[in-house]
Amino acid sequence: MGPSILDALNVRVVGSGKKYLVLAHGLGTDQSVWSRILPYFRTHYKVILFDLVCAGSVNPDYFDFNKYNTLDAFVDDLLQILDSLGVDRCYYVGHSLSSMIGILAAIRRPELFAKLILIGASPRFKNDKDYYGGFEESEVEKVFAAMEANYAAWVNGYAPLAVGADVPTAVREFSRTLFNVRPDISLFVSRTVFKSDLRDKLKLVKVPCCIIQTAKDVSVPSSVAVYLKEHLGGRSTIEMMNVEGHLPHLSAPALLAHHLNRALSR
């Protein structure tokens, strides 16, 4: 018998509020990515932090390649965490990969989520006819080839592009957590993300959603935020952040906290 999921995924509950707020990080980061956001919310919420099983801060032995080849296993983990903590209702903030996990979790257990806040979210990253996700198949294969050939070099090239803004501390921090992910796990989960397509599932989401989109994100074109708003089944709004980059929690935490507060109070 291995460790409990709460131990394995470094689950923490921080803060003294009555309501639960889940902060779920994306691929290439871990829960430390929220450290500049946390002070804004810990007095008003019980904040649940955890690491995805693919994070560099988690023992890589827990990553089962057969199990985590679809997003459903990540959804299982999230729901197991919430059930283990006895959470019956929460506000959920998901970044990138975790926004997709949140969407699927809310379809499975709508009563558990008061609201989804989706940062840098995309139901499908690859272009399709009548759909612009931002990536051609050939571009995606080039990225995978670069990750396989020299992971460290790929991290050094990708981190500044992803951060987008001229914030050296954010680039350093993202480089650190991305580099900490074991390269084979990073590549495997990237492949899982890029083959995912949630477009036909969006209408099943009845939970209210707020989509937070930066003005320029190398991973998610602004048109994707509009697509989400138009296709999600419940009430949804878009908050546009006047900053660049895929990681506003690292590059513009005070501004993101302002938008999160607005999304939570609506």
Protein backbone atom coordinates (compact mmCIF):
# COMPACT_ATOMS: atom_id res chain seq x y z
CA MET A 1 0.00 0.00 0.00
CA GLY A 2 1.51 3.33 -1.09
CA PRO A 3 1.02 6.72 0.53
CA SER A 4 -2.40 8.36 0.55
CA ILE A 5 -3.17 10.67 -2.35
CA LEU A 6 -2.96 13.62 0.07
CA ASP A 7 0.66 12.70 0.86
CA ALA A 8 1.63 11.59 -2.64
CA LEU A 9 0.44 14.83 -4.27
CA ASN A 10 1.61 17.14 -1.44
CA VAL A 11 -1.89 18.39 -0.67
CA ARG A 12 -2.06 21.45 1.61
CA VAL A 13 -5.01 23.42 2.97
CA VAL A 14 -4.03 26.99 3.83
CA GLY A 15 -6.15 29.84 5.17
CA SER A 16 -8.99 30.57 7.51
CA GLY A 17 -12.08 31.33 5.41
CA LYS A 18 -15.29 29.33 5.32
CA LYS A 19 -15.36 28.61 1.57
CA TYR A 20 -12.97 26.30 -0.24
CA LEU A 21 -10.85 27.63 -3.10
CA VAL A 22 -8.85 25.12 -5.17
CA LEU A 23 -5.75 26.40 -6.99
CA ALA A 24 -4.73 23.83 -9.60
CA HIS A 25 -1.50 24.39 -11.54
CA GLY A 26 -0.68 23.51 -15.16
CA LEU A 27 1.94 21.34 -16.83
CA GLY A 28 5.53 22.37 -16.12
CA THR A 29 4.78 24.02 -12.78
CA ASP A 30 3.84 22.83 -9.30
CA GLN A 31 1.82 24.41 -6.46
CA SER A 32 4.64 26.89 -5.77
CA VAL A 33 3.44 28.78 -8.87
CA TRP A 34 0.60 30.16 -6.71
CA SER A 35 2.84 31.52 -3.95
CA ARG A 36 2.40 35.16 -5.01
CA ILE A 37 -1.39 34.71 -5.35
CA LEU A 38 -1.95 32.99 -2.02
CA PRO A 39 -1.67 36.06 0.28
CA TYR A 40 -4.67 37.66 -1.47
CA PHE A 41 -6.99 34.75 -0.65
CA ARG A 42 -5.85 32.97 2.51
CA THR A 43 -7.86 35.23 4.84
CA HIS A 44 -11.14 34.71 2.94
CA TYR A 45 -10.88 31.08 1.87
CA LYS A 46 -9.57 27.70 2.83
CA VAL A 47 -7.19 27.35 -0.13
CA ILE A 48 -6.49 23.82 -1.37
CA LEU A 49 -3.11 23.40 -3.06
CA PHE A 50 -1.71 20.21 -4.56
CA ASP A 51 0.73 18.99 -7.18
CA LEU A 52 -0.35 17.19 -10.33
CA VAL A 53 1.13 13.69 -10.50
CA CYS A 54 3.32 14.87 -13.41
CA ALA A 55 4.91 17.71 -11.40
CA GLY A 56 8.64 17.61 -10.67
CA SER A 57 7.86 17.89 -6.95
CA VAL A 58 6.08 14.51 -6.95
CA ASN A 59 7.91 11.17 -6.77
CA PRO A 60 8.06 10.08 -10.44
CA ASP A 61 7.40 6.48 -9.37
CA TYR A 62 3.76 7.54 -8.85
CA PHE A 63 3.40 8.39 -12.52
CA ASP A 64 1.79 5.41 -14.26
CA PHE A 65 2.16 5.80 -18.04
CA ASN A 66 -0.70 3.36 -18.70
CA LYS A 67 -3.03 5.21 -16.37
CA TYR A 68 -2.32 8.83 -17.24
CA ASN A 69 -2.65 8.52 -21.01
CA THR A 70 -5.94 10.43 -20.93
CA LEU A 71 -7.12 13.37 -18.84
CA ASP A 72 -9.65 11.19 -16.99
CA ALA A 73 -7.04 9.81 -14.59
CA PHE A 74 -6.09 13.38 -13.61
CA VAL A 75 -9.80 14.06 -13.00
CA ASP A 76 -9.94 10.97 -10.76
CA ASP A 77 -7.03 12.38 -8.71
CA LEU A 78 -8.71 15.77 -8.27
CA LEU A 79 -12.02 14.25 -7.16
CA GLN A 80 -10.24 11.85 -4.82
CA ILE A 81 -8.40 14.79 -3.20
CA LEU A 82 -11.64 16.73 -2.68
CA ASP A 83 -13.44 13.65 -1.31
CA SER A 84 -10.52 12.83 1.01
CA LEU A 85 -10.69 16.37 2.42
CA GLY A 86 -14.45 16.15 2.87
CA VAL A 87 -15.11 19.06 0.50
CA ASP A 88 -18.73 19.24 -0.64
CA ARG A 89 -18.48 22.50 -2.60
CA CYS A 90 -15.59 24.63 -3.85
CA TYR A 91 -14.49 27.38 -6.17
CA TYR A 92 -11.98 25.97 -8.63
CA VAL A 93 -9.17 27.87 -10.35
CA GLY A 94 -7.40 25.81 -13.00
CA HIS A 95 -4.47 26.86 -15.16
CA SER A 96 -3.98 25.41 -18.65
CA LEU A 97 -3.99 21.57 -18.27
CA SER A 98 -5.85 21.93 -14.95
CA SER A 99 -8.56 24.04 -16.59
CA MET A 100 -9.34 21.04 -18.80
CA ILE A 101 -9.26 18.76 -15.75
CA GLY A 102 -11.70 21.12 -14.00
CA ILE A 103 -14.09 21.12 -16.96
CA LEU A 104 -14.21 17.30 -16.97
CA ALA A 105 -14.56 17.13 -13.17
CA ALA A 106 -17.48 19.58 -13.25
CA ILE A 107 -19.25 17.45 -15.86
CA ARG A 108 -18.84 14.39 -13.65
CA ARG A 109 -19.72 16.06 -10.32
CA PRO A 110 -21.44 19.42 -10.98
CA GLU A 111 -22.70 19.78 -7.40
CA LEU A 112 -19.10 19.94 -6.16
CA PHE A 113 -18.21 23.16 -8.00
CA ALA A 114 -19.71 26.57 -7.27
CA LYS A 115 -17.70 28.10 -10.11
CA LEU A 116 -14.84 27.27 -12.47
CA ILE A 117 -12.21 29.92 -13.20
CA LEU A 118 -10.19 28.91 -16.23
CA ILE A 119 -6.81 30.57 -16.88
CA GLY A 120 -5.12 30.00 -20.25
CA ALA A 121 -7.69 27.33 -21.04
CA SER A 122 -8.08 25.54 -24.35
CA PRO A 123 -10.40 22.67 -25.29
CA ARG A 124 -8.10 21.75 -28.18
CA PHE A 125 -4.63 23.12 -28.95
CA LYS A 126 -4.40 21.85 -32.53
CA ASN A 127 -6.09 23.56 -35.46
CA ASP A 128 -8.98 21.82 -37.16
CA LYS A 129 -11.21 22.82 -40.01
CA ASP A 130 -13.37 25.73 -38.73
CA TYR A 131 -11.35 25.82 -35.50
CA TYR A 132 -8.17 27.71 -34.68
CA GLY A 133 -6.37 26.25 -31.69
CA GLY A 134 -3.05 27.88 -32.49
CA PHE A 135 -0.95 24.86 -33.54
CA GLU A 136 -0.52 22.88 -36.73
CA GLU A 137 0.26 19.17 -36.36
CA SER A 138 3.70 19.71 -37.91
CA GLU A 139 4.54 22.44 -35.36
CA VAL A 140 3.53 20.17 -32.48
CA GLU A 141 5.73 17.34 -33.77
CA LYS A 142 8.68 19.79 -33.97
CA VAL A 143 8.15 20.72 -30.32
CA PHE A 144 8.10 17.06 -29.28
CA ALA A 145 11.26 16.39 -31.29
CA ALA A 146 13.03 19.31 -29.60
CA MET A 147 11.94 18.08 -26.14
CA GLU A 148 13.29 14.61 -26.92
CA ALA A 149 16.55 15.80 -28.45
CA ASN A 150 17.66 18.11 -25.63
CA TYR A 151 15.16 18.79 -22.85
CA ALA A 152 17.28 21.40 -21.06
CA ALA A 153 17.81 23.39 -24.25
CA TRP A 154 14.10 23.19 -25.04
CA VAL A 155 13.22 24.49 -21.53
CA ASN A 156 15.62 27.42 -21.93
CA GLY A 157 14.03 28.35 -25.23
CA TYR A 158 10.41 27.77 -24.29
CA ALA A 159 10.25 29.36 -20.83
CA PRO A 160 10.73 33.00 -22.00
CA LEU A 161 8.18 32.47 -24.81
CA ALA A 162 5.61 31.05 -22.40
CA VAL A 163 6.09 33.82 -19.82
CA GLY A 164 5.84 36.31 -22.70
CA ALA A 165 6.46 39.38 -20.57
CA ASP A 166 9.86 40.80 -19.63
CA VAL A 167 9.83 39.44 -16.08
CA PRO A 168 13.15 37.63 -15.51
CA THR A 169 12.08 36.25 -12.10
CA ALA A 170 9.03 34.62 -13.71
CA VAL A 171 11.17 33.11 -16.50
CA ARG A 172 13.62 31.75 -13.92
CA GLU A 173 10.85 30.30 -11.79
CA PHE A 174 9.05 28.64 -14.71
CA SER A 175 12.37 27.29 -16.05
CA ARG A 176 13.08 25.77 -12.63
CA THR A 177 9.78 23.89 -12.26
CA LEU A 178 9.70 22.86 -15.94
CA PHE A 179 13.25 21.54 -15.71
CA ASN A 180 12.31 19.58 -12.57
CA VAL A 181 9.76 17.49 -14.49
CA ARG A 182 11.35 14.28 -15.67
CA PRO A 183 11.73 14.70 -19.45
CA ASP A 184 9.91 11.50 -20.40
CA ILE A 185 6.95 12.44 -18.19
CA SER A 186 6.89 16.00 -19.55
CA LEU A 187 6.83 14.71 -23.13
CA PHE A 188 4.21 12.05 -22.38
CA VAL A 189 1.79 14.50 -20.71
CA SER A 190 2.39 17.08 -23.45
CA ARG A 191 1.37 14.43 -25.99
CA THR A 192 -1.74 13.62 -23.92
CA VAL A 193 -2.69 17.31 -23.80
CA PHE A 194 -2.15 17.83 -27.52
CA LYS A 195 -4.26 14.83 -28.49
CA SER A 196 -7.11 15.95 -26.19
CA ASP A 197 -10.21 17.50 -27.69
CA LEU A 198 -12.93 18.63 -25.28
CA ARG A 199 -14.95 20.64 -27.78
CA ASP A 200 -17.94 18.28 -27.78
CA LYS A 201 -17.90 18.11 -23.96
CA LEU A 202 -18.17 21.87 -23.32
CA LYS A 203 -21.96 21.93 -23.66
CA LEU A 204 -22.18 19.44 -20.76
CA VAL A 205 -20.67 21.97 -18.32
CA LYS A 206 -23.57 23.55 -16.42
CA VAL A 207 -21.43 25.16 -13.69
CA PRO A 208 -20.83 28.94 -14.06
CA CYS A 209 -17.41 29.64 -15.59
CA CYS A 210 -15.09 32.61 -15.86
CA ILE A 211 -12.42 32.48 -18.57
CA ILE A 212 -9.31 34.54 -17.81
CA GLN A 213 -7.31 35.29 -20.95
CA THR A 214 -4.19 37.41 -21.38
CA ALA A 215 -3.86 39.80 -24.30
CA LYS A 216 -1.17 37.67 -25.92
CA ASP A 217 -0.55 34.04 -25.03
CA VAL A 218 1.85 31.91 -27.11
CA SER A 219 -0.16 28.78 -26.20
CA VAL A 220 -3.76 30.00 -26.45
CA PRO A 221 -5.06 32.52 -29.02
CA SER A 222 -7.70 34.97 -27.75
CA SER A 223 -10.20 33.44 -30.18
CA VAL A 224 -10.14 30.26 -28.05
CA ALA A 225 -11.50 32.19 -25.05
CA VAL A 226 -14.39 33.39 -27.21
CA TYR A 227 -14.95 29.83 -28.45
CA LEU A 228 -15.12 28.58 -24.85
CA LYS A 229 -17.60 31.27 -23.84
CA GLU A 230 -19.83 30.45 -26.80
CA HIS A 231 -19.77 26.68 -26.27
CA LEU A 232 -19.76 26.14 -22.49
CA GLY A 233 -23.19 24.94 -21.35
CA GLY A 234 -23.56 27.17 -18.30
CA ARG A 235 -23.26 30.91 -17.75
CA SER A 236 -19.77 32.10 -18.64
CA THR A 237 -17.85 35.37 -18.72
CA ILE A 238 -14.42 36.42 -20.04
CA GLU A 239 -11.94 38.53 -18.09
CA MET A 240 -9.26 39.93 -20.41
CA MET A 241 -5.93 40.71 -18.72
CA ASN A 242 -3.94 43.47 -20.32
CA VAL A 243 -0.64 41.57 -20.04
CA GLU A 244 1.23 39.05 -22.16
CA GLY A 245 2.00 35.46 -21.44
CA HIS A 246 0.66 32.04 -20.49
CA LEU A 247 1.61 32.34 -16.79
CA PRO A 248 0.08 35.51 -15.33
CA HIS A 249 0.27 34.03 -11.81
CA LEU A 250 4.08 34.29 -12.18
CA SER A 251 4.40 37.42 -14.33
CA ALA A 252 1.52 39.60 -13.04
CA PRO A 253 0.27 38.12 -9.75
CA ALA A 254 -1.33 41.29 -8.32
CA LEU A 255 -3.31 41.89 -11.51
CA LEU A 256 -4.35 38.24 -11.71
CA ALA A 257 -5.49 38.36 -8.06
CA HIS A 258 -7.65 41.38 -8.95
CA HIS A 259 -9.28 39.46 -11.82
CA LEU A 260 -9.71 36.35 -9.67
CA ASN A 261 -11.43 38.44 -6.99
CA ARG A 262 -13.79 39.87 -9.59
CA ALA A 263 -14.54 36.42 -10.97
CA LEU A 264 -15.18 35.03 -7.48
CA SER A 265 -17.48 37.87 -6.46
CA ARG A 266 -19.72 37.76 -9.53
